[in-house]
Amino acid sequence: MRRRQGSRLLCGAKTTAMTMAMMVLAAPIAAQAQAATQTAPAAGHLDVAFTYDAARAAQVPGATFWMQGAGAEIEGRFYRGWGAVAEVAGTHAGNINASGVGLDLVTAVFGPRYTWTAKSQKYAVFGQALAGEAFGFNSVFPGVTGATVSSYNLAVEAGGGLNIALSPRIALRAIEADWLRTQLPNATTNVQNNLRLGAGVVFRIR
């Protein structure tokens, strides 16, 4: 009887010791998992941004001028900084190089964006490569059959920028710099390489 009781006590002690050891070993793992859950950003979100834009545009090779305008974009981020963005921007010049001819330009582009976010969630740096269409109007576009006042063609945009978080829902677009290539008729190469700079505000919807 005493041997049976001792055996039961020994088994119980072993079970308790094993349970305690497992708890001790599992505690750091659980703590790390909890910390990662608390600090990791959401897997996906949706942002909307509004920017003021200034573009150094090329009418023809060697002849540049400045345009001003604004832009709006919507970005969905899905996986480890990767996402997609759709952007519409419009710029205007009233008198190109004192020629008496102006230009209004609207671009609509779409493509991938990668964003690196600091551990503090304060700073986010992004790079993007977008493509779509450029629509120019209220200007003069020379062609084979004569000049027209409007034209549309391919637009390609590549660049990046910096966002600075002001709150969990609002960020400052401190700077954005993009190379914008359009292919509107200009009686020479029919290609324009533009530098567009922007700044604005970003709102997190989800």
N, C-alpha and C. Protein backbone atom coordinates (compact mmCIF):
# COMPACT_ATOMS: atom_id res chain seq x y z
N MET A 1 0.83 -1.20 0.00
CA MET A 1 0.00 0.00 0.00
C MET A 1 0.87 1.25 0.00
N ARG A 2 1.87 1.25 0.86
CA ARG A 2 2.75 2.42 0.94
C ARG A 2 3.53 2.58 -0.36
N ARG A 3 3.93 1.39 -0.98
CA ARG A 3 4.67 1.47 -2.24
C ARG A 3 3.80 2.08 -3.33
N ARG A 4 2.51 1.69 -3.37
CA ARG A 4 1.61 2.24 -4.37
C ARG A 4 1.44 3.75 -4.18
N GLN A 5 1.25 4.17 -2.93
CA GLN A 5 1.10 5.60 -2.65
C GLN A 5 2.36 6.36 -3.04
N GLY A 6 3.53 5.79 -2.73
CA GLY A 6 4.79 6.46 -3.11
C GLY A 6 4.95 6.56 -4.60
N SER A 7 4.54 5.47 -5.30
CA SER A 7 4.63 5.50 -6.76
C SER A 7 3.72 6.56 -7.35
N ARG A 8 2.50 6.66 -6.77
CA ARG A 8 1.58 7.68 -7.25
C ARG A 8 2.12 9.09 -7.00
N LEU A 9 2.70 9.30 -5.82
CA LEU A 9 3.28 10.61 -5.50
C LEU A 9 4.42 10.95 -6.43
N LEU A 10 5.25 9.93 -6.76
CA LEU A 10 6.38 10.15 -7.65
C LEU A 10 5.91 10.52 -9.05
N CYS A 11 4.89 9.78 -9.52
CA CYS A 11 4.33 10.08 -10.84
C CYS A 11 3.73 11.48 -10.89
N GLY A 12 3.03 11.82 -9.78
CA GLY A 12 2.43 13.16 -9.73
C GLY A 12 3.49 14.23 -9.72
N ALA A 13 4.60 14.00 -8.99
CA ALA A 13 5.68 14.98 -8.94
C ALA A 13 6.33 15.14 -10.30
N LYS A 14 6.52 14.02 -11.00
CA LYS A 14 7.11 14.09 -12.33
C LYS A 14 6.21 14.89 -13.28
N THR A 15 4.90 14.59 -13.22
CA THR A 15 3.96 15.29 -14.09
C THR A 15 3.98 16.79 -13.81
N THR A 16 3.97 17.15 -12.52
CA THR A 16 4.00 18.57 -12.14
C THR A 16 5.28 19.23 -12.62
N ALA A 17 6.41 18.55 -12.45
CA ALA A 17 7.69 19.11 -12.87
C ALA A 17 7.73 19.32 -14.38
N MET A 18 7.22 18.33 -15.13
CA MET A 18 7.21 18.46 -16.59
C MET A 18 6.31 19.62 -17.04
N THR A 19 5.17 19.74 -16.35
CA THR A 19 4.25 20.84 -16.68
C THR A 19 4.89 22.18 -16.43
N MET A 20 5.56 22.30 -15.29
CA MET A 20 6.23 23.56 -14.94
C MET A 20 7.34 23.86 -15.93
N ALA A 21 8.10 22.83 -16.33
CA ALA A 21 9.19 23.04 -17.28
C ALA A 21 8.66 23.52 -18.63
N MET A 22 7.54 22.92 -19.06
CA MET A 22 6.95 23.33 -20.32
C MET A 22 6.45 24.77 -20.27
N MET A 23 5.90 25.14 -19.11
CA MET A 23 5.42 26.51 -18.95
C MET A 23 6.57 27.50 -18.98
N VAL A 24 7.69 27.13 -18.34
CA VAL A 24 8.86 28.01 -18.33
C VAL A 24 9.43 28.18 -19.72
N LEU A 25 9.48 27.06 -20.47
CA LEU A 25 10.03 27.13 -21.82
C LEU A 25 9.10 27.88 -22.78
N ALA A 26 7.80 27.73 -22.55
CA ALA A 26 6.84 28.36 -23.45
C ALA A 26 6.65 29.84 -23.17
N ALA A 27 6.97 30.30 -21.98
CA ALA A 27 6.74 31.69 -21.60
C ALA A 27 7.46 32.68 -22.51
N PRO A 28 8.79 32.51 -22.75
CA PRO A 28 9.46 33.46 -23.64
C PRO A 28 8.88 33.48 -25.05
N ILE A 29 8.50 32.30 -25.56
CA ILE A 29 7.93 32.23 -26.90
C ILE A 29 6.61 32.98 -26.96
N ALA A 30 5.78 32.77 -25.92
CA ALA A 30 4.49 33.47 -25.88
C ALA A 30 4.69 34.97 -25.76
N ALA A 31 5.69 35.38 -24.97
CA ALA A 31 5.96 36.81 -24.80
C ALA A 31 6.41 37.43 -26.11
N GLN A 32 7.27 36.73 -26.85
CA GLN A 32 7.72 37.25 -28.14
C GLN A 32 6.58 37.34 -29.13
N ALA A 33 5.72 36.34 -29.14
CA ALA A 33 4.58 36.36 -30.05
C ALA A 33 3.64 37.51 -29.73
N GLN A 34 3.42 37.74 -28.43
CA GLN A 34 2.54 38.84 -28.02
C GLN A 34 3.15 40.18 -28.40
N ALA A 35 4.47 40.33 -28.21
CA ALA A 35 5.13 41.58 -28.56
C ALA A 35 5.07 41.82 -30.06
N ALA A 36 5.26 40.77 -30.83
CA ALA A 36 5.19 40.93 -32.29
C ALA A 36 3.80 41.32 -32.73
N THR A 37 2.79 40.76 -32.08
CA THR A 37 1.41 41.10 -32.41
C THR A 37 1.11 42.55 -32.10
N GLN A 38 1.68 43.05 -31.00
CA GLN A 38 1.40 44.42 -30.59
C GLN A 38 2.11 45.43 -31.46
N THR A 39 3.32 45.09 -31.96
CA THR A 39 4.12 46.07 -32.70
C THR A 39 3.96 45.96 -34.19
N ALA A 40 3.53 44.81 -34.71
CA ALA A 40 3.44 44.64 -36.15
C ALA A 40 2.28 45.46 -36.71
N PRO A 41 2.52 46.14 -37.86
CA PRO A 41 1.45 46.90 -38.47
C PRO A 41 0.41 45.98 -39.08
N ALA A 42 -0.72 46.56 -39.41
CA ALA A 42 -1.79 45.78 -40.02
C ALA A 42 -1.33 45.21 -41.35
N ALA A 43 -1.85 44.03 -41.70
CA ALA A 43 -1.41 43.35 -42.91
C ALA A 43 -1.76 44.16 -44.15
N GLY A 44 -2.86 44.87 -44.15
CA GLY A 44 -3.25 45.65 -45.31
C GLY A 44 -4.02 46.89 -44.89
N HIS A 45 -3.95 47.92 -45.73
CA HIS A 45 -4.72 49.11 -45.44
C HIS A 45 -4.98 49.89 -46.71
N LEU A 46 -5.79 50.94 -46.60
CA LEU A 46 -6.19 51.76 -47.74
C LEU A 46 -5.94 53.22 -47.41
N ASP A 47 -5.18 53.91 -48.28
CA ASP A 47 -4.83 55.32 -48.07
C ASP A 47 -5.34 56.16 -49.23
N VAL A 48 -5.67 57.42 -48.93
CA VAL A 48 -6.00 58.42 -49.94
C VAL A 48 -5.11 59.63 -49.70
N ALA A 49 -4.51 60.17 -50.78
CA ALA A 49 -3.60 61.30 -50.65
C ALA A 49 -4.00 62.41 -51.62
N PHE A 50 -3.77 63.66 -51.17
CA PHE A 50 -3.99 64.84 -52.00
C PHE A 50 -2.71 65.67 -51.97
N THR A 51 -2.24 66.08 -53.16
CA THR A 51 -0.95 66.76 -53.23
C THR A 51 -1.03 68.02 -54.09
N TYR A 52 -0.15 68.97 -53.76
CA TYR A 52 0.14 70.10 -54.65
C TYR A 52 1.34 69.69 -55.49
N ASP A 53 1.27 69.92 -56.80
CA ASP A 53 2.32 69.47 -57.71
C ASP A 53 2.89 70.65 -58.50
N ALA A 54 4.20 70.59 -58.70
CA ALA A 54 4.89 71.51 -59.60
C ALA A 54 5.76 70.66 -60.52
N ALA A 55 5.64 70.90 -61.83
CA ALA A 55 6.35 70.06 -62.80
C ALA A 55 7.22 70.92 -63.69
N ARG A 56 8.46 70.49 -63.85
CA ARG A 56 9.38 71.10 -64.82
C ARG A 56 9.23 70.31 -66.11
N ALA A 57 8.51 70.88 -67.04
CA ALA A 57 8.12 70.17 -68.24
C ALA A 57 8.99 70.56 -69.42
N ALA A 58 9.03 69.68 -70.41
CA ALA A 58 9.79 69.91 -71.63
C ALA A 58 8.83 70.00 -72.81
N GLN A 59 8.73 71.19 -73.39
CA GLN A 59 7.89 71.37 -74.58
C GLN A 59 8.52 70.65 -75.76
N VAL A 60 9.78 70.96 -76.02
CA VAL A 60 10.63 70.27 -77.00
C VAL A 60 11.99 70.15 -76.36
N PRO A 61 12.88 69.28 -76.85
CA PRO A 61 14.22 69.15 -76.26
C PRO A 61 14.93 70.50 -76.17
N GLY A 62 15.36 70.83 -74.95
CA GLY A 62 16.08 72.09 -74.72
C GLY A 62 15.20 73.25 -74.33
N ALA A 63 13.89 73.12 -74.40
CA ALA A 63 12.96 74.19 -74.01
C ALA A 63 12.08 73.69 -72.88
N THR A 64 12.33 74.18 -71.68
CA THR A 64 11.60 73.73 -70.50
C THR A 64 10.79 74.87 -69.90
N PHE A 65 9.80 74.52 -69.11
CA PHE A 65 8.96 75.49 -68.44
C PHE A 65 8.33 74.81 -67.23
N TRP A 66 7.74 75.59 -66.34
CA TRP A 66 7.13 75.07 -65.13
C TRP A 66 5.62 75.08 -65.23
N MET A 67 5.02 74.02 -64.67
CA MET A 67 3.57 73.91 -64.58
C MET A 67 3.19 73.70 -63.12
N GLN A 68 1.98 74.09 -62.75
CA GLN A 68 1.49 73.89 -61.38
C GLN A 68 0.12 73.23 -61.42
N GLY A 69 -0.16 72.49 -60.34
CA GLY A 69 -1.45 71.82 -60.28
C GLY A 69 -1.62 71.01 -59.01
N ALA A 70 -2.39 69.95 -59.10
CA ALA A 70 -2.70 69.12 -57.93
C ALA A 70 -2.94 67.69 -58.37
N GLY A 71 -2.90 66.79 -57.40
CA GLY A 71 -3.12 65.39 -57.70
C GLY A 71 -3.86 64.68 -56.58
N ALA A 72 -4.43 63.55 -56.90
CA ALA A 72 -5.12 62.71 -55.92
C ALA A 72 -4.78 61.26 -56.23
N GLU A 73 -4.65 60.45 -55.18
CA GLU A 73 -4.30 59.05 -55.37
C GLU A 73 -5.00 58.19 -54.33
N ILE A 74 -5.16 56.93 -54.67
CA ILE A 74 -5.66 55.94 -53.72
C ILE A 74 -4.72 54.75 -53.77
N GLU A 75 -4.28 54.30 -52.59
CA GLU A 75 -3.32 53.20 -52.50
C GLU A 75 -3.85 52.10 -51.61
N GLY A 76 -3.74 50.88 -52.06
CA GLY A 76 -4.05 49.72 -51.24
C GLY A 76 -2.78 48.92 -51.01
N ARG A 77 -2.43 48.72 -49.75
CA ARG A 77 -1.23 47.95 -49.42
C ARG A 77 -1.67 46.58 -48.92
N PHE A 78 -1.09 45.51 -49.49
CA PHE A 78 -1.61 44.18 -49.25
C PHE A 78 -0.63 43.23 -48.57
N TYR A 79 0.66 43.30 -48.91
CA TYR A 79 1.56 42.26 -48.42
C TYR A 79 2.96 42.82 -48.24
N ARG A 80 3.41 42.91 -46.97
CA ARG A 80 4.78 43.28 -46.62
C ARG A 80 5.28 44.50 -47.38
N GLY A 81 4.51 45.55 -47.36
CA GLY A 81 4.91 46.79 -48.00
C GLY A 81 4.51 46.91 -49.46
N TRP A 82 4.11 45.81 -50.08
CA TRP A 82 3.72 45.85 -51.49
C TRP A 82 2.25 46.21 -51.62
N GLY A 83 1.97 47.04 -52.62
CA GLY A 83 0.60 47.43 -52.87
C GLY A 83 0.44 47.97 -54.27
N ALA A 84 -0.72 48.56 -54.54
CA ALA A 84 -1.02 49.14 -55.84
C ALA A 84 -1.60 50.54 -55.62
N VAL A 85 -1.31 51.44 -56.57
CA VAL A 85 -1.77 52.82 -56.44
C VAL A 85 -2.35 53.28 -57.77
N ALA A 86 -3.43 54.05 -57.69
CA ALA A 86 -4.03 54.71 -58.84
C ALA A 86 -3.96 56.22 -58.59
N GLU A 87 -3.48 56.96 -59.58
CA GLU A 87 -3.21 58.40 -59.39
C GLU A 87 -3.75 59.20 -60.56
N VAL A 88 -4.37 60.33 -60.25
CA VAL A 88 -4.81 61.29 -61.25
C VAL A 88 -4.23 62.64 -60.86
N ALA A 89 -3.57 63.30 -61.82
CA ALA A 89 -2.95 64.60 -61.54
C ALA A 89 -3.19 65.54 -62.71
N GLY A 90 -3.33 66.82 -62.38
CA GLY A 90 -3.53 67.84 -63.41
C GLY A 90 -2.62 69.03 -63.17
N THR A 91 -1.97 69.53 -64.23
CA THR A 91 -1.10 70.70 -64.13
C THR A 91 -1.43 71.68 -65.26
N HIS A 92 -1.03 72.94 -65.05
CA HIS A 92 -1.41 74.00 -65.99
C HIS A 92 -0.26 74.98 -66.16
N ALA A 93 -0.09 75.44 -67.39
CA ALA A 93 0.82 76.54 -67.72
C ALA A 93 0.07 77.50 -68.63
N GLY A 94 0.07 78.80 -68.29
CA GLY A 94 -0.72 79.76 -69.04
C GLY A 94 -0.03 80.32 -70.26
N ASN A 95 1.30 80.46 -70.20
CA ASN A 95 2.03 81.09 -71.29
C ASN A 95 3.42 80.46 -71.35
N ILE A 96 3.60 79.48 -72.23
CA ILE A 96 4.83 78.71 -72.28
C ILE A 96 5.93 79.53 -72.91
N ASN A 97 6.92 79.87 -72.11
CA ASN A 97 8.10 80.60 -72.59
C ASN A 97 7.72 81.83 -73.42
N ALA A 98 6.72 82.58 -72.93
CA ALA A 98 6.26 83.82 -73.57
C ALA A 98 5.82 83.61 -75.01
N SER A 99 5.32 82.42 -75.32
CA SER A 99 4.90 82.11 -76.69
C SER A 99 3.44 82.46 -76.94
N GLY A 100 2.71 82.73 -75.87
CA GLY A 100 1.29 82.96 -76.00
C GLY A 100 0.46 81.69 -76.03
N VAL A 101 1.11 80.53 -75.93
CA VAL A 101 0.44 79.24 -75.95
C VAL A 101 0.54 78.62 -74.57
N GLY A 102 -0.56 78.11 -74.07
CA GLY A 102 -0.58 77.45 -72.77
C GLY A 102 -0.67 75.95 -72.91
N LEU A 103 -0.84 75.29 -71.78
CA LEU A 103 -1.01 73.83 -71.78
C LEU A 103 -1.68 73.39 -70.50
N ASP A 104 -2.69 72.57 -70.65
CA ASP A 104 -3.29 71.84 -69.53
C ASP A 104 -3.01 70.36 -69.73
N LEU A 105 -2.52 69.71 -68.69
CA LEU A 105 -2.13 68.31 -68.79
C LEU A 105 -2.75 67.51 -67.65
N VAL A 106 -3.43 66.43 -68.00
CA VAL A 106 -4.01 65.52 -67.01
C VAL A 106 -3.44 64.13 -67.27
N THR A 107 -2.94 63.50 -66.22
CA THR A 107 -2.42 62.14 -66.33
C THR A 107 -3.21 61.22 -65.39
N ALA A 108 -3.47 60.02 -65.86
CA ALA A 108 -4.12 58.98 -65.06
C ALA A 108 -3.28 57.72 -65.19
N VAL A 109 -2.66 57.31 -64.08
CA VAL A 109 -1.72 56.19 -64.11
C VAL A 109 -2.02 55.21 -62.98
N PHE A 110 -1.53 53.98 -63.15
CA PHE A 110 -1.78 52.92 -62.18
C PHE A 110 -0.58 51.97 -62.19
N GLY A 111 -0.27 51.39 -61.01
CA GLY A 111 0.82 50.42 -60.97
C GLY A 111 1.22 50.06 -59.55
N PRO A 112 2.32 49.30 -59.42
CA PRO A 112 2.75 48.84 -58.10
C PRO A 112 3.54 49.89 -57.33
N ARG A 113 3.48 49.76 -56.00
CA ARG A 113 4.25 50.62 -55.09
C ARG A 113 4.77 49.77 -53.94
N TYR A 114 6.04 50.01 -53.57
CA TYR A 114 6.60 49.36 -52.39
C TYR A 114 6.91 50.42 -51.34
N THR A 115 6.51 50.16 -50.09
CA THR A 115 6.71 51.11 -49.00
C THR A 115 7.50 50.47 -47.87
N TRP A 116 8.59 51.14 -47.48
CA TRP A 116 9.35 50.73 -46.30
C TRP A 116 8.96 51.63 -45.15
N THR A 117 8.53 51.02 -44.03
CA THR A 117 8.08 51.76 -42.86
C THR A 117 9.02 51.52 -41.70
N ALA A 118 9.45 52.60 -41.03
CA ALA A 118 10.34 52.49 -39.88
C ALA A 118 9.63 51.76 -38.74
N LYS A 119 10.41 51.16 -37.84
CA LYS A 119 9.84 50.43 -36.71
C LYS A 119 8.96 51.31 -35.84
N SER A 120 9.30 52.59 -35.77
CA SER A 120 8.51 53.52 -34.96
C SER A 120 7.17 53.87 -35.62
N GLN A 121 6.98 53.45 -36.88
CA GLN A 121 5.79 53.78 -37.66
C GLN A 121 5.69 55.28 -37.97
N LYS A 122 6.78 56.03 -37.72
CA LYS A 122 6.76 57.48 -37.93
C LYS A 122 7.05 57.85 -39.38
N TYR A 123 7.99 57.13 -39.99
CA TYR A 123 8.42 57.47 -41.34
C TYR A 123 8.15 56.31 -42.30
N ALA A 124 7.74 56.66 -43.51
CA ALA A 124 7.50 55.66 -44.55
C ALA A 124 8.06 56.20 -45.87
N VAL A 125 8.94 55.41 -46.48
CA VAL A 125 9.55 55.77 -47.76
C VAL A 125 9.00 54.82 -48.82
N PHE A 126 8.57 55.37 -49.96
CA PHE A 126 7.97 54.52 -50.98
C PHE A 126 8.60 54.78 -52.36
N GLY A 127 8.54 53.74 -53.19
CA GLY A 127 8.94 53.84 -54.58
C GLY A 127 7.88 53.20 -55.46
N GLN A 128 7.73 53.70 -56.69
CA GLN A 128 6.63 53.23 -57.51
C GLN A 128 7.00 53.27 -58.99
N ALA A 129 6.29 52.49 -59.79
CA ALA A 129 6.41 52.48 -61.25
C ALA A 129 5.01 52.37 -61.82
N LEU A 130 4.55 53.42 -62.51
CA LEU A 130 3.16 53.52 -62.94
C LEU A 130 3.08 53.78 -64.44
N ALA A 131 1.97 53.42 -65.01
CA ALA A 131 1.73 53.66 -66.44
C ALA A 131 0.26 53.94 -66.67
N GLY A 132 -0.02 54.70 -67.72
CA GLY A 132 -1.40 55.04 -68.04
C GLY A 132 -1.46 55.96 -69.24
N GLU A 133 -2.30 57.00 -69.14
CA GLU A 133 -2.50 57.93 -70.25
C GLU A 133 -2.29 59.37 -69.82
N ALA A 134 -1.82 60.17 -70.78
CA ALA A 134 -1.69 61.62 -70.60
C ALA A 134 -2.63 62.30 -71.59
N PHE A 135 -3.35 63.30 -71.12
CA PHE A 135 -4.28 64.05 -71.96
C PHE A 135 -3.90 65.52 -71.89
N GLY A 136 -3.46 66.07 -73.04
CA GLY A 136 -3.11 67.48 -73.12
C GLY A 136 -4.18 68.24 -73.89
N PHE A 137 -4.49 69.45 -73.42
CA PHE A 137 -5.52 70.26 -74.08
C PHE A 137 -5.27 71.73 -73.83
N ASN A 138 -6.06 72.58 -74.51
CA ASN A 138 -5.86 74.04 -74.46
C ASN A 138 -4.44 74.41 -74.86
N SER A 139 -3.95 73.77 -75.92
CA SER A 139 -2.60 74.02 -76.39
C SER A 139 -2.57 73.80 -77.90
N VAL A 140 -1.37 73.68 -78.46
CA VAL A 140 -1.20 73.42 -79.89
C VAL A 140 -0.34 72.18 -80.05
N PHE A 141 -0.89 71.18 -80.73
CA PHE A 141 -0.18 69.91 -80.95
C PHE A 141 -0.07 69.68 -82.46
N PRO A 142 1.12 69.89 -83.02
CA PRO A 142 1.28 69.72 -84.47
C PRO A 142 1.17 68.27 -84.89
N GLY A 143 0.60 68.05 -86.06
CA GLY A 143 0.45 66.69 -86.58
C GLY A 143 0.62 66.66 -88.09
N VAL A 144 0.51 65.48 -88.65
CA VAL A 144 0.69 65.30 -90.10
C VAL A 144 -0.37 66.05 -90.89
N THR A 145 -1.59 66.02 -90.41
CA THR A 145 -2.69 66.67 -91.13
C THR A 145 -2.99 68.06 -90.60
N GLY A 146 -2.18 68.57 -89.69
CA GLY A 146 -2.41 69.89 -89.14
C GLY A 146 -2.39 69.86 -87.62
N ALA A 147 -2.44 71.03 -87.02
CA ALA A 147 -2.36 71.15 -85.56
C ALA A 147 -3.74 70.95 -84.93
N THR A 148 -3.72 70.40 -83.72
CA THR A 148 -4.95 70.23 -82.94
C THR A 148 -4.77 70.89 -81.58
N VAL A 149 -5.87 71.12 -80.88
CA VAL A 149 -5.80 71.78 -79.57
C VAL A 149 -5.77 70.78 -78.43
N SER A 150 -5.89 69.49 -78.74
CA SER A 150 -5.84 68.47 -77.69
C SER A 150 -5.23 67.19 -78.25
N SER A 151 -4.68 66.38 -77.35
CA SER A 151 -4.09 65.11 -77.76
C SER A 151 -3.94 64.24 -76.52
N TYR A 152 -3.94 62.92 -76.72
CA TYR A 152 -3.68 62.00 -75.62
C TYR A 152 -2.80 60.87 -76.10
N ASN A 153 -1.98 60.35 -75.16
CA ASN A 153 -1.06 59.29 -75.51
C ASN A 153 -0.55 58.64 -74.23
N LEU A 154 0.50 57.83 -74.36
CA LEU A 154 1.05 57.06 -73.25
C LEU A 154 1.69 57.98 -72.20
N ALA A 155 1.54 57.60 -70.94
CA ALA A 155 2.24 58.26 -69.83
C ALA A 155 2.90 57.19 -68.96
N VAL A 156 4.16 57.40 -68.62
CA VAL A 156 4.91 56.50 -67.75
C VAL A 156 5.51 57.32 -66.62
N GLU A 157 5.39 56.82 -65.40
CA GLU A 157 5.84 57.57 -64.22
C GLU A 157 6.62 56.65 -63.29
N ALA A 158 7.76 57.13 -62.80
CA ALA A 158 8.56 56.38 -61.84
C ALA A 158 9.17 57.35 -60.84
N GLY A 159 9.16 56.96 -59.56
CA GLY A 159 9.72 57.85 -58.54
C GLY A 159 9.40 57.35 -57.15
N GLY A 160 9.32 58.27 -56.20
CA GLY A 160 9.04 57.89 -54.82
C GLY A 160 8.87 59.11 -53.95
N GLY A 161 8.74 58.84 -52.64
CA GLY A 161 8.52 59.95 -51.72
C GLY A 161 8.63 59.53 -50.27
N LEU A 162 8.36 60.49 -49.39
CA LEU A 162 8.46 60.29 -47.94
C LEU A 162 7.19 60.76 -47.27
N ASN A 163 6.58 59.89 -46.45
CA ASN A 163 5.44 60.24 -45.61
C ASN A 163 5.87 60.28 -44.15
N ILE A 164 5.40 61.28 -43.42
CA ILE A 164 5.68 61.41 -41.99
C ILE A 164 4.36 61.36 -41.23
N ALA A 165 4.20 60.35 -40.37
CA ALA A 165 2.94 60.16 -39.66
C ALA A 165 2.72 61.27 -38.63
N LEU A 166 1.54 61.87 -38.66
CA LEU A 166 1.14 62.86 -37.67
C LEU A 166 0.21 62.26 -36.62
N SER A 167 -0.51 61.22 -37.02
CA SER A 167 -1.42 60.48 -36.14
C SER A 167 -1.65 59.12 -36.79
N PRO A 168 -2.33 58.20 -36.13
CA PRO A 168 -2.59 56.90 -36.77
C PRO A 168 -3.37 57.00 -38.07
N ARG A 169 -4.08 58.11 -38.29
CA ARG A 169 -4.94 58.25 -39.48
C ARG A 169 -4.46 59.29 -40.47
N ILE A 170 -3.51 60.14 -40.11
CA ILE A 170 -3.09 61.24 -40.98
C ILE A 170 -1.57 61.27 -41.06
N ALA A 171 -1.07 61.49 -42.28
CA ALA A 171 0.37 61.62 -42.49
C ALA A 171 0.64 62.80 -43.41
N LEU A 172 1.83 63.35 -43.29
CA LEU A 172 2.28 64.44 -44.15
C LEU A 172 3.09 63.86 -45.31
N ARG A 173 2.72 64.14 -46.53
CA ARG A 173 3.54 63.78 -47.68
C ARG A 173 4.60 64.88 -47.79
N ALA A 174 5.75 64.65 -47.16
CA ALA A 174 6.78 65.68 -47.07
C ALA A 174 7.36 66.00 -48.44
N ILE A 175 7.59 64.99 -49.26
CA ILE A 175 8.15 65.20 -50.59
C ILE A 175 7.81 64.01 -51.47
N GLU A 176 7.54 64.29 -52.72
CA GLU A 176 7.42 63.25 -53.73
C GLU A 176 8.10 63.76 -54.99
N ALA A 177 8.93 62.94 -55.59
CA ALA A 177 9.63 63.31 -56.81
C ALA A 177 9.45 62.19 -57.83
N ASP A 178 8.96 62.55 -59.02
CA ASP A 178 8.68 61.55 -60.05
C ASP A 178 9.22 62.02 -61.40
N TRP A 179 9.74 61.06 -62.15
CA TRP A 179 10.02 61.27 -63.57
C TRP A 179 8.76 60.88 -64.33
N LEU A 180 8.25 61.82 -65.12
CA LEU A 180 7.03 61.60 -65.89
C LEU A 180 7.36 61.74 -67.37
N ARG A 181 7.12 60.68 -68.11
CA ARG A 181 7.35 60.67 -69.56
C ARG A 181 6.00 60.63 -70.28
N THR A 182 5.80 61.61 -71.16
CA THR A 182 4.60 61.65 -71.98
C THR A 182 5.00 61.64 -73.45
N GLN A 183 4.06 61.28 -74.31
CA GLN A 183 4.33 61.19 -75.74
C GLN A 183 3.28 61.96 -76.53
N LEU A 184 3.27 63.27 -76.31
CA LEU A 184 2.35 64.15 -77.01
C LEU A 184 3.05 64.77 -78.23
N PRO A 185 2.33 65.03 -79.31
CA PRO A 185 2.96 65.59 -80.51
C PRO A 185 3.62 66.94 -80.25
N ASN A 186 4.88 67.11 -80.72
CA ASN A 186 5.58 68.39 -80.57
C ASN A 186 6.43 68.73 -81.79
N ALA A 187 6.21 68.01 -82.90
CA ALA A 187 6.88 68.26 -84.18
C ALA A 187 8.36 67.91 -84.16
N THR A 188 8.85 67.29 -83.08
CA THR A 188 10.24 66.85 -83.05
C THR A 188 10.29 65.37 -82.67
N THR A 189 10.52 65.08 -81.40
CA THR A 189 10.61 63.68 -80.97
C THR A 189 9.28 63.11 -80.50
N ASN A 190 8.29 64.00 -80.26
CA ASN A 190 6.98 63.59 -79.71
C ASN A 190 7.13 62.89 -78.36
N VAL A 191 8.15 63.28 -77.60
CA VAL A 191 8.41 62.73 -76.27
C VAL A 191 8.74 63.88 -75.34
N GLN A 192 8.16 63.84 -74.13
CA GLN A 192 8.46 64.84 -73.10
C GLN A 192 8.90 64.13 -71.82
N ASN A 193 10.06 64.51 -71.31
CA ASN A 193 10.56 63.99 -70.04
C ASN A 193 10.43 65.09 -68.99
N ASN A 194 9.57 64.86 -68.01
CA ASN A 194 9.23 65.88 -67.03
C ASN A 194 9.65 65.46 -65.62
N LEU A 195 10.00 66.42 -64.81
CA LEU A 195 10.27 66.21 -63.38
C LEU A 195 9.12 66.83 -62.61
N ARG A 196 8.42 66.00 -61.83
CA ARG A 196 7.28 66.50 -61.06
C ARG A 196 7.56 66.35 -59.58
N LEU A 197 7.39 67.43 -58.85
CA LEU A 197 7.58 67.46 -57.40
C LEU A 197 6.24 67.72 -56.74
N GLY A 198 6.04 67.10 -55.57
CA GLY A 198 4.76 67.27 -54.89
C GLY A 198 4.88 67.15 -53.38
N ALA A 199 3.87 67.67 -52.70
CA ALA A 199 3.75 67.56 -51.23
C ALA A 199 2.28 67.67 -50.89
N GLY A 200 1.89 67.04 -49.77
CA GLY A 200 0.47 67.10 -49.42
C GLY A 200 0.16 66.35 -48.16
N VAL A 201 -1.02 65.74 -48.11
CA VAL A 201 -1.50 65.07 -46.91
C VAL A 201 -2.07 63.71 -47.31
N VAL A 202 -1.90 62.72 -46.41
CA VAL A 202 -2.36 61.36 -46.63
C VAL A 202 -3.35 60.99 -45.53
N PHE A 203 -4.48 60.41 -45.92
CA PHE A 203 -5.49 59.98 -44.96
C PHE A 203 -5.63 58.46 -45.04
N ARG A 204 -5.59 57.81 -43.90
CA ARG A 204 -5.78 56.35 -43.85
C ARG A 204 -7.26 56.07 -43.65
N ILE A 205 -7.87 55.39 -44.64
CA ILE A 205 -9.28 55.06 -44.57
C ILE A 205 -9.50 53.77 -43.80
N ARG A 206 -8.60 52.79 -44.01
CA ARG A 206 -8.75 51.49 -43.35
C ARG A 206 -7.38 50.91 -43.06
